[in-house]
Protein backbone atom coordinates (compact mmCIF):
# COMPACT_ATOMS: atom_id res chain seq x y z
CA UNK A 1 -4.59 20.61 -17.57
CA UNK A 2 -1.95 17.90 -17.33
CA UNK A 3 1.45 19.07 -16.13
CA UNK A 4 3.92 18.68 -19.00
CA UNK A 5 6.58 20.93 -17.49
CA UNK A 6 9.26 19.38 -15.30
CA UNK A 7 9.08 21.26 -12.01
CA UNK A 8 12.18 22.30 -10.08
CA UNK A 9 12.79 23.70 -6.62
CA UNK A 10 12.68 27.27 -7.91
CA UNK A 11 9.15 26.71 -9.23
CA UNK A 12 7.62 25.57 -5.94
CA UNK A 13 6.82 27.55 -2.79
CA UNK A 14 9.72 27.61 -0.29
CA UNK A 15 9.70 24.86 2.35
CA UNK A 16 8.70 25.58 5.95
CA UNK A 17 11.51 26.86 8.21
CA UNK A 18 13.96 24.17 9.31
CA UNK A 19 12.99 21.65 6.62
CA UNK A 20 15.97 20.40 4.64
CA UNK A 21 16.90 17.45 2.42
CA UNK A 22 14.51 15.60 0.12
CA UNK A 23 11.93 16.82 -0.82
CA UNK A 24 12.45 20.21 0.80
CA UNK A 25 15.78 21.54 -0.44
CA UNK A 26 17.00 18.76 -2.76
CA UNK A 27 15.92 17.71 -6.23
CA UNK A 28 16.94 14.93 -8.66
CA UNK A 29 18.87 15.66 -11.84
CA UNK A 30 16.95 17.01 -14.81
CA UNK A 31 15.05 14.45 -16.86
CA UNK A 32 15.43 14.88 -20.65
CA UNK A 33 12.37 16.21 -22.48
CA UNK A 34 12.22 12.99 -24.52
CA UNK A 35 13.16 9.38 -23.90
CA UNK A 36 16.40 8.08 -25.41
CA UNK A 37 14.50 6.70 -28.43
CA UNK A 38 12.94 10.10 -29.09
CA UNK A 39 9.45 9.19 -27.85
CA UNK A 40 7.41 10.98 -25.21
CA UNK A 41 7.66 9.84 -21.64
CA UNK A 42 4.75 7.60 -20.52
CA UNK A 43 1.84 9.58 -19.13
CA UNK A 44 1.71 8.92 -15.35
CA UNK A 45 -1.33 9.76 -13.20
CA UNK A 46 -1.01 9.90 -9.41
CA UNK A 47 -3.82 10.38 -6.87
CA UNK A 48 -3.23 11.36 -3.25
CA UNK A 49 -6.19 10.67 -0.91
CA UNK A 50 -6.04 12.61 2.33
CA UNK A 51 -8.03 13.14 5.51
CA UNK A 52 -6.61 15.15 8.41
CA UNK A 53 -3.01 14.25 7.60
CA UNK A 54 -1.97 17.85 7.00
CA UNK A 55 1.18 17.33 9.10
CA UNK A 56 2.42 14.82 6.48
CA UNK A 57 0.71 16.07 3.34
CA UNK A 58 3.12 18.79 2.19
CA UNK A 59 6.07 16.39 2.15
CA UNK A 60 4.03 13.92 0.09
CA UNK A 61 3.01 16.58 -2.43
CA UNK A 62 6.55 17.87 -2.84
CA UNK A 63 7.95 14.34 -3.25
CA UNK A 64 5.67 13.91 -6.27
CA UNK A 65 5.98 17.33 -7.88
CA UNK A 66 9.75 17.47 -7.46
CA UNK A 67 10.24 14.28 -9.46
CA UNK A 68 10.73 16.72 -12.34
CA UNK A 69 8.83 14.26 -14.51
CA UNK A 70 7.78 15.77 -17.87
CA UNK A 71 4.45 13.97 -18.28
CA UNK A 72 2.79 13.93 -14.86
CA UNK A 73 -0.86 14.28 -13.92
CA UNK A 74 -1.38 14.88 -10.20
CA UNK A 75 -4.71 14.78 -8.36
CA UNK A 76 -5.43 15.33 -4.65
CA UNK A 77 -8.73 14.20 -3.10
CA UNK A 78 -9.32 15.45 0.44
CA UNK A 79 -12.20 14.08 2.49
CA UNK A 80 -13.21 17.38 4.06
CA UNK A 81 -10.32 17.67 6.53
CA UNK A 82 -10.66 19.89 9.60
CA UNK A 83 -6.90 20.40 10.06
CA UNK A 84 -4.50 22.42 7.86
CA UNK A 85 -4.78 20.06 4.87
CA UNK A 86 -6.70 22.46 2.63
CA UNK A 87 -4.23 25.23 3.44
CA UNK A 88 -1.40 22.95 2.30
CA UNK A 89 -3.22 21.94 -0.88
CA UNK A 90 -3.95 25.56 -1.79
CA UNK A 91 -0.25 26.35 -1.36
CA UNK A 92 0.48 23.97 -4.25
CA UNK A 93 -2.78 24.21 -6.21
CA UNK A 94 -1.10 25.83 -9.22
CA UNK A 95 0.82 22.59 -9.74
CA UNK A 96 -2.05 20.18 -9.09
CA UNK A 97 -4.29 19.17 -12.01
CA UNK A 98 -7.41 18.61 -9.92
CA UNK A 99 -8.22 18.77 -6.24
CA UNK A 100 -11.32 18.81 -4.08
CA UNK A 101 -12.07 18.86 -0.37
CA UNK A 102 -15.45 17.33 0.38
CA UNK A 103 -16.79 14.71 2.74
CA UNK A 104 -16.56 11.26 1.16
CA UNK A 105 -17.10 7.62 2.11
CA UNK A 106 -13.48 6.92 3.00
CA UNK A 107 -10.10 6.22 1.48
CA UNK A 108 -11.21 3.88 -1.31
CA UNK A 109 -13.98 6.28 -2.28
CA UNK A 110 -11.45 9.10 -2.50
CA UNK A 111 -9.05 7.07 -4.65
CA UNK A 112 -11.84 6.00 -7.00
CA UNK A 113 -13.00 9.58 -7.28
CA UNK A 114 -9.50 10.62 -8.27
CA UNK A 115 -9.25 7.71 -10.71
CA UNK A 116 -12.20 9.03 -12.66
CA UNK A 117 -10.18 12.17 -13.42
CA UNK A 118 -7.07 10.27 -14.51
CA UNK A 119 -6.05 10.24 -18.17
CA UNK A 120 -2.61 8.61 -17.95
CA UNK A 121 -1.20 5.29 -19.11
CA UNK A 122 0.27 4.43 -15.70
CA UNK A 123 -1.46 4.92 -12.35
CA UNK A 124 -0.72 4.80 -8.66
CA UNK A 125 -2.06 6.37 -5.51
CA UNK A 126 0.36 7.81 -2.98
CA UNK A 127 -1.22 8.20 0.44
CA UNK A 128 -0.56 11.36 2.40
CA UNK A 129 1.80 9.54 4.79
CA UNK A 130 3.79 8.00 1.90
CA UNK A 131 6.37 9.61 -0.35
CA UNK A 132 8.16 8.96 -3.61
CA UNK A 133 11.94 8.96 -3.49
CA UNK A 134 14.08 10.93 -5.97
CA UNK A 135 14.00 9.58 -9.55
CA UNK A 136 11.14 7.20 -8.74
CA UNK A 137 9.02 8.18 -11.75
CA UNK A 138 12.06 8.23 -14.03
CA UNK A 139 12.93 4.65 -12.98
CA UNK A 140 9.32 3.50 -13.36
CA UNK A 141 8.96 5.07 -16.82
CA UNK A 142 12.23 3.62 -18.12
CA UNK A 143 11.35 0.11 -17.00
CA UNK A 144 7.74 0.46 -18.16
CA UNK A 145 8.79 1.53 -21.63
CA UNK A 146 11.10 -1.47 -21.89
CA UNK A 147 8.71 -4.19 -20.61
CA UNK A 148 5.17 -2.77 -21.08
CA UNK A 149 3.84 -4.54 -17.94
CA UNK A 150 0.41 -4.59 -16.34
CA UNK A 151 1.92 -4.01 -12.90
CA UNK A 152 5.38 -2.78 -11.92
CA UNK A 153 6.48 -3.28 -8.31
CA UNK A 154 9.50 -1.53 -6.82
CA UNK A 155 11.13 -1.78 -3.42
CA UNK A 156 10.05 0.39 -0.51
CA UNK A 157 11.32 1.40 2.90
CA UNK A 158 9.40 2.01 6.11
CA UNK A 159 10.65 4.88 8.24
CA UNK A 160 9.78 5.91 11.79
CA UNK A 161 7.84 9.16 11.40
CA UNK A 162 9.31 10.63 14.60
CA UNK A 163 12.97 9.66 14.45
CA UNK A 164 13.47 9.05 10.74
CA UNK A 165 15.04 5.66 11.50
CA UNK A 166 14.68 3.00 8.82
CA UNK A 167 12.52 0.15 10.15
CA UNK A 168 11.62 -1.92 7.08
CA UNK A 169 12.92 -2.69 3.61
CA UNK A 170 10.29 -4.39 1.48
CA UNK A 171 11.70 -6.12 -1.60
CA UNK A 172 9.02 -7.25 -4.09
CA UNK A 173 8.59 -10.86 -5.10
CA UNK A 174 6.23 -11.79 -7.90
CA UNK A 175 3.63 -14.32 -6.73
CA UNK A 176 3.31 -17.27 -9.11
CA UNK A 177 -0.39 -17.70 -8.37
CA UNK A 178 -3.15 -16.43 -6.05
CA UNK A 179 -2.42 -19.07 -3.42
CA UNK A 180 1.21 -18.04 -3.10
CA UNK A 181 0.11 -14.43 -2.72
CA UNK A 182 -2.34 -15.33 0.06
CA UNK A 183 0.09 -17.62 1.84
CA UNK A 184 2.85 -15.04 2.13
CA UNK A 185 2.47 -14.00 5.76
CA UNK A 186 -1.14 -13.89 6.90
CA UNK A 187 -2.45 -12.02 3.89
CA UNK A 188 0.36 -11.24 1.47
CA UNK A 189 3.16 -8.73 1.94
CA UNK A 190 4.86 -9.09 -1.42
CA UNK A 191 3.63 -5.76 -2.74
CA UNK A 192 4.36 -2.42 -1.11
CA UNK A 193 1.48 -0.33 -2.42
CA UNK A 194 3.24 3.05 -2.90
CA UNK A 195 5.82 1.25 -5.05
CA UNK A 196 3.22 -0.60 -7.17
CA UNK A 197 2.38 1.14 -10.45
CA UNK A 198 -0.55 -0.13 -12.51
CA UNK A 199 -1.70 0.09 -16.09
CA UNK A 200 -4.62 2.51 -15.78
CA UNK A 201 -6.77 0.53 -18.20
CA UNK A 202 -6.25 -2.54 -16.00
CA UNK A 203 -7.70 -0.71 -13.00
CA UNK A 204 -10.67 0.38 -15.09
CA UNK A 205 -11.12 -3.16 -16.42
CA UNK A 206 -11.15 -4.53 -12.86
CA UNK A 207 -13.85 -2.05 -11.83
CA UNK A 208 -11.71 0.20 -9.62
CA UNK A 209 -11.20 -0.45 -5.89
CA UNK A 210 -13.80 -2.11 -3.65
CA UNK A 211 -15.43 0.67 -1.64
CA UNK A 212 -16.85 -1.78 0.88
CA UNK A 213 -13.28 -2.35 2.11
CA UNK A 214 -11.46 0.13 4.34
CA UNK A 215 -8.19 -1.64 5.12
CA UNK A 216 -7.21 -4.48 2.78
CA UNK A 217 -8.47 -2.87 -0.44
CA UNK A 218 -5.07 -2.68 -2.15
CA UNK A 219 -4.32 -6.32 -1.27
CA UNK A 220 -7.81 -7.23 -2.49
CA UNK A 221 -7.23 -5.51 -5.81
CA UNK A 222 -3.93 -7.33 -6.43
CA UNK A 223 -5.53 -10.67 -5.54
CA UNK A 224 -8.47 -9.98 -7.82
CA UNK A 225 -6.09 -9.31 -10.71
CA UNK A 226 -4.21 -12.56 -10.02
CA UNK A 227 -7.45 -14.55 -9.90
CA UNK A 228 -9.17 -12.98 -12.90
CA UNK A 229 -6.11 -12.60 -15.15
CA UNK A 230 -3.93 -15.66 -14.83
CA UNK A 231 -1.46 -14.36 -17.40
CA UNK A 232 -1.04 -10.88 -15.94
CA UNK A 233 2.36 -9.35 -16.72
CA UNK A 234 4.02 -8.30 -13.45
CA UNK A 235 7.61 -7.08 -13.29
CA UNK A 236 9.77 -5.97 -10.37
CA UNK A 237 12.15 -3.07 -10.03
CA UNK A 238 14.99 -3.47 -7.51
CA UNK A 239 15.20 0.28 -6.94
CA UNK A 240 13.78 1.70 -3.72
CA UNK A 241 11.20 4.09 -5.12
CA UNK A 242 8.96 4.93 -2.17
CA UNK A 243 8.92 5.51 1.56
CA UNK A 244 6.05 4.85 3.95
CA UNK A 245 5.88 6.38 7.40
CA UNK A 246 5.41 4.21 10.46
CA UNK A 247 3.41 6.05 13.11
CA UNK A 248 0.76 5.20 15.74
CA UNK A 249 -2.15 6.45 13.61
CA UNK A 250 -1.23 4.38 10.54
CA UNK A 251 -3.95 1.88 9.66
CA UNK A 252 -1.48 -0.99 9.53
CA UNK A 253 -0.48 -0.21 13.11
CA UNK A 254 -3.93 0.36 14.64
CA UNK A 255 -6.15 -2.07 12.78
CA UNK A 256 -4.16 -5.21 11.97
CA UNK A 257 -7.01 -7.54 12.93
CA UNK A 258 -9.37 -5.69 10.59
CA UNK A 259 -6.97 -6.23 7.70
CA UNK A 260 -7.20 -9.96 8.38
CA UNK A 261 -11.00 -9.88 8.63
CA UNK A 262 -11.29 -8.06 5.32
CA UNK A 263 -8.79 -10.46 3.74
CA UNK A 264 -10.98 -13.39 4.71
CA UNK A 265 -14.01 -11.57 3.32
CA UNK A 266 -12.25 -11.00 -0.01
CA UNK A 267 -11.28 -14.67 -0.29
CA UNK A 268 -14.92 -15.58 0.25
CA UNK A 269 -16.07 -13.25 -2.51
CA UNK A 270 -13.53 -14.62 -4.99
CA UNK A 271 -13.94 -18.25 -3.91
CA UNK A 272 -15.83 -19.35 -7.03
CA UNK A 273 -13.02 -18.03 -9.24
CA UNK A 274 -10.33 -20.14 -7.60
CA UNK A 275 -9.24 -23.40 -9.18
CA UNK A 276 -10.35 -26.61 -7.36
CA UNK A 277 -6.99 -27.33 -5.75
CA UNK A 278 -6.70 -23.68 -4.72
CA UNK A 279 -10.07 -23.82 -2.97
CA UNK A 280 -8.86 -26.68 -0.76
CA UNK A 281 -5.55 -25.01 0.02
CA UNK A 282 -7.09 -21.59 0.66
CA UNK A 283 -9.73 -23.06 2.98
CA UNK A 284 -6.91 -24.68 4.93
CA UNK A 285 -4.99 -21.42 5.06
CA UNK A 286 -8.03 -19.53 6.34
CA UNK A 287 -8.40 -22.04 9.17
CA UNK A 288 -4.75 -21.48 10.05
CA UNK A 289 -5.33 -17.72 10.13
CA UNK A 290 -8.37 -18.15 12.37
CA UNK A 291 -6.29 -20.35 14.67
CA UNK A 292 -3.58 -17.71 14.78
CA UNK A 293 -6.13 -15.08 15.78
CA UNK A 294 -7.56 -17.30 18.53
CA UNK A 295 -4.12 -18.05 19.93
CA UNK A 296 -3.11 -14.38 19.80
CA UNK A 297 -6.27 -13.45 21.71
CA UNK A 298 -5.57 -16.11 24.32
CA UNK A 299 -1.98 -15.02 24.84
CA UNK A 300 -3.06 -11.40 25.29
CA UNK A 301 -4.93 -12.55 28.43
CA UNK A 302 -1.79 -13.11 30.49
CA UNK A 303 -3.57 -14.01 33.72
CA UNK A 304 -5.23 -17.14 32.36
CA UNK A 305 -3.78 -17.69 28.90
CA UNK A 306 -2.81 -21.35 29.55
CA UNK A 307 -6.25 -22.40 30.81
CA UNK A 308 -7.92 -20.31 28.10
CA UNK A 309 -5.94 -22.08 25.38
CA UNK A 310 -6.96 -25.50 26.71
CA UNK A 311 -10.57 -24.31 26.83
CA UNK A 312 -10.28 -23.08 23.25
CA UNK A 313 -8.94 -26.47 22.14
CA UNK A 314 -12.10 -28.20 23.41
CA UNK A 315 -14.34 -25.56 21.83
CA UNK A 316 -12.41 -25.57 18.52
CA UNK A 317 -11.00 -29.08 17.89
CA UNK A 318 -9.51 -27.96 14.55
CA UNK A 319 -6.89 -26.14 16.61
CA UNK A 320 -5.16 -29.49 17.12
CA UNK A 321 -4.10 -29.22 13.47
CA UNK A 322 -2.65 -25.75 13.89
CA UNK A 323 1.09 -25.27 14.27
CA UNK A 324 0.33 -21.81 15.69
CA UNK A 325 -1.62 -23.36 18.56
CA UNK A 326 0.94 -26.00 19.52
CA UNK A 327 3.83 -23.58 19.24
CA UNK A 328 2.06 -21.07 21.48
CA UNK A 329 1.02 -23.79 23.96
CA UNK A 330 4.62 -25.05 24.12
CA UNK A 331 5.86 -21.54 24.91
CA UNK A 332 3.14 -21.08 27.52
CA UNK A 333 4.04 -24.37 29.28
CA UNK A 334 7.67 -23.28 29.27
CA UNK A 335 6.87 -19.91 30.83
CA UNK A 336 4.50 -21.50 33.37
CA UNK A 337 7.38 -23.79 34.39
CA UNK A 338 9.73 -20.84 34.70
CA UNK A 339 7.26 -19.06 36.97
CA UNK A 340 6.93 -22.06 39.30
CA UNK A 341 10.67 -22.41 39.86
């Protein structure tokens, strides 16, 4: 049954000893039962996929439930964790609409499984090392009701999981076209996923998330929308509405090269849907990315990076067109000169 009651601190189990602040001992102000125009609040569905992140999971769950949002549907899909994840979920199961703990095919499989239980108008998944900030759903709903978008993107902050220090502040920028989205960084950093809320019917129309992807699946979904729906209505929200934890086990920290590989794979799959000029520009961009990877690999071999880069230039003549290559070679010559003095 969908949660239609705005939960408060008194409704939830007490936090673990020593835990204070949001979302342990603080809560946002009460949200009115109805919107200012007298209508119901938009129905928001959130899925949390989890696998052996029990040390983060309770904070994530509380950050969602303690939004005090009157029309929330919350689903947790656990991949058969062997840590304390199930214990944490059971602690809050009275406030969760649906949960399961079974072996699955990975994160995208878990999210898609949760999606099939969603009945809301607005959807997002909040990973078990991400959190919503106070009033996030209130801000999303107010803006959504005003603009009726396909995608709403808010700001997000990255925080060191150990120290709590703020490391990143991601401010959304709406890409004008697929090429601009791809060209931003190596493979697009304009959208912080926990702050990106989607029209549920749009996700269903796009065929859910690609389960053959393990790393760049959110980026791939946004690109697919931009390619398939050229007139998609995307709006931004300046408010910081989510927090993502930066820690050694985070996928973005451990598997950066795999994100790039999957990004290239996605571009190949969507290639026929790109416009002619985009195909030329994207092919060029992919060559630049490949050059960047080659140069990065060469520089990681400190003992012979200079000779390796020259060798790579003969093996891959297209590197002569890469600003990454020449910039790296210039730095390497400089450092070689410094060493010889």
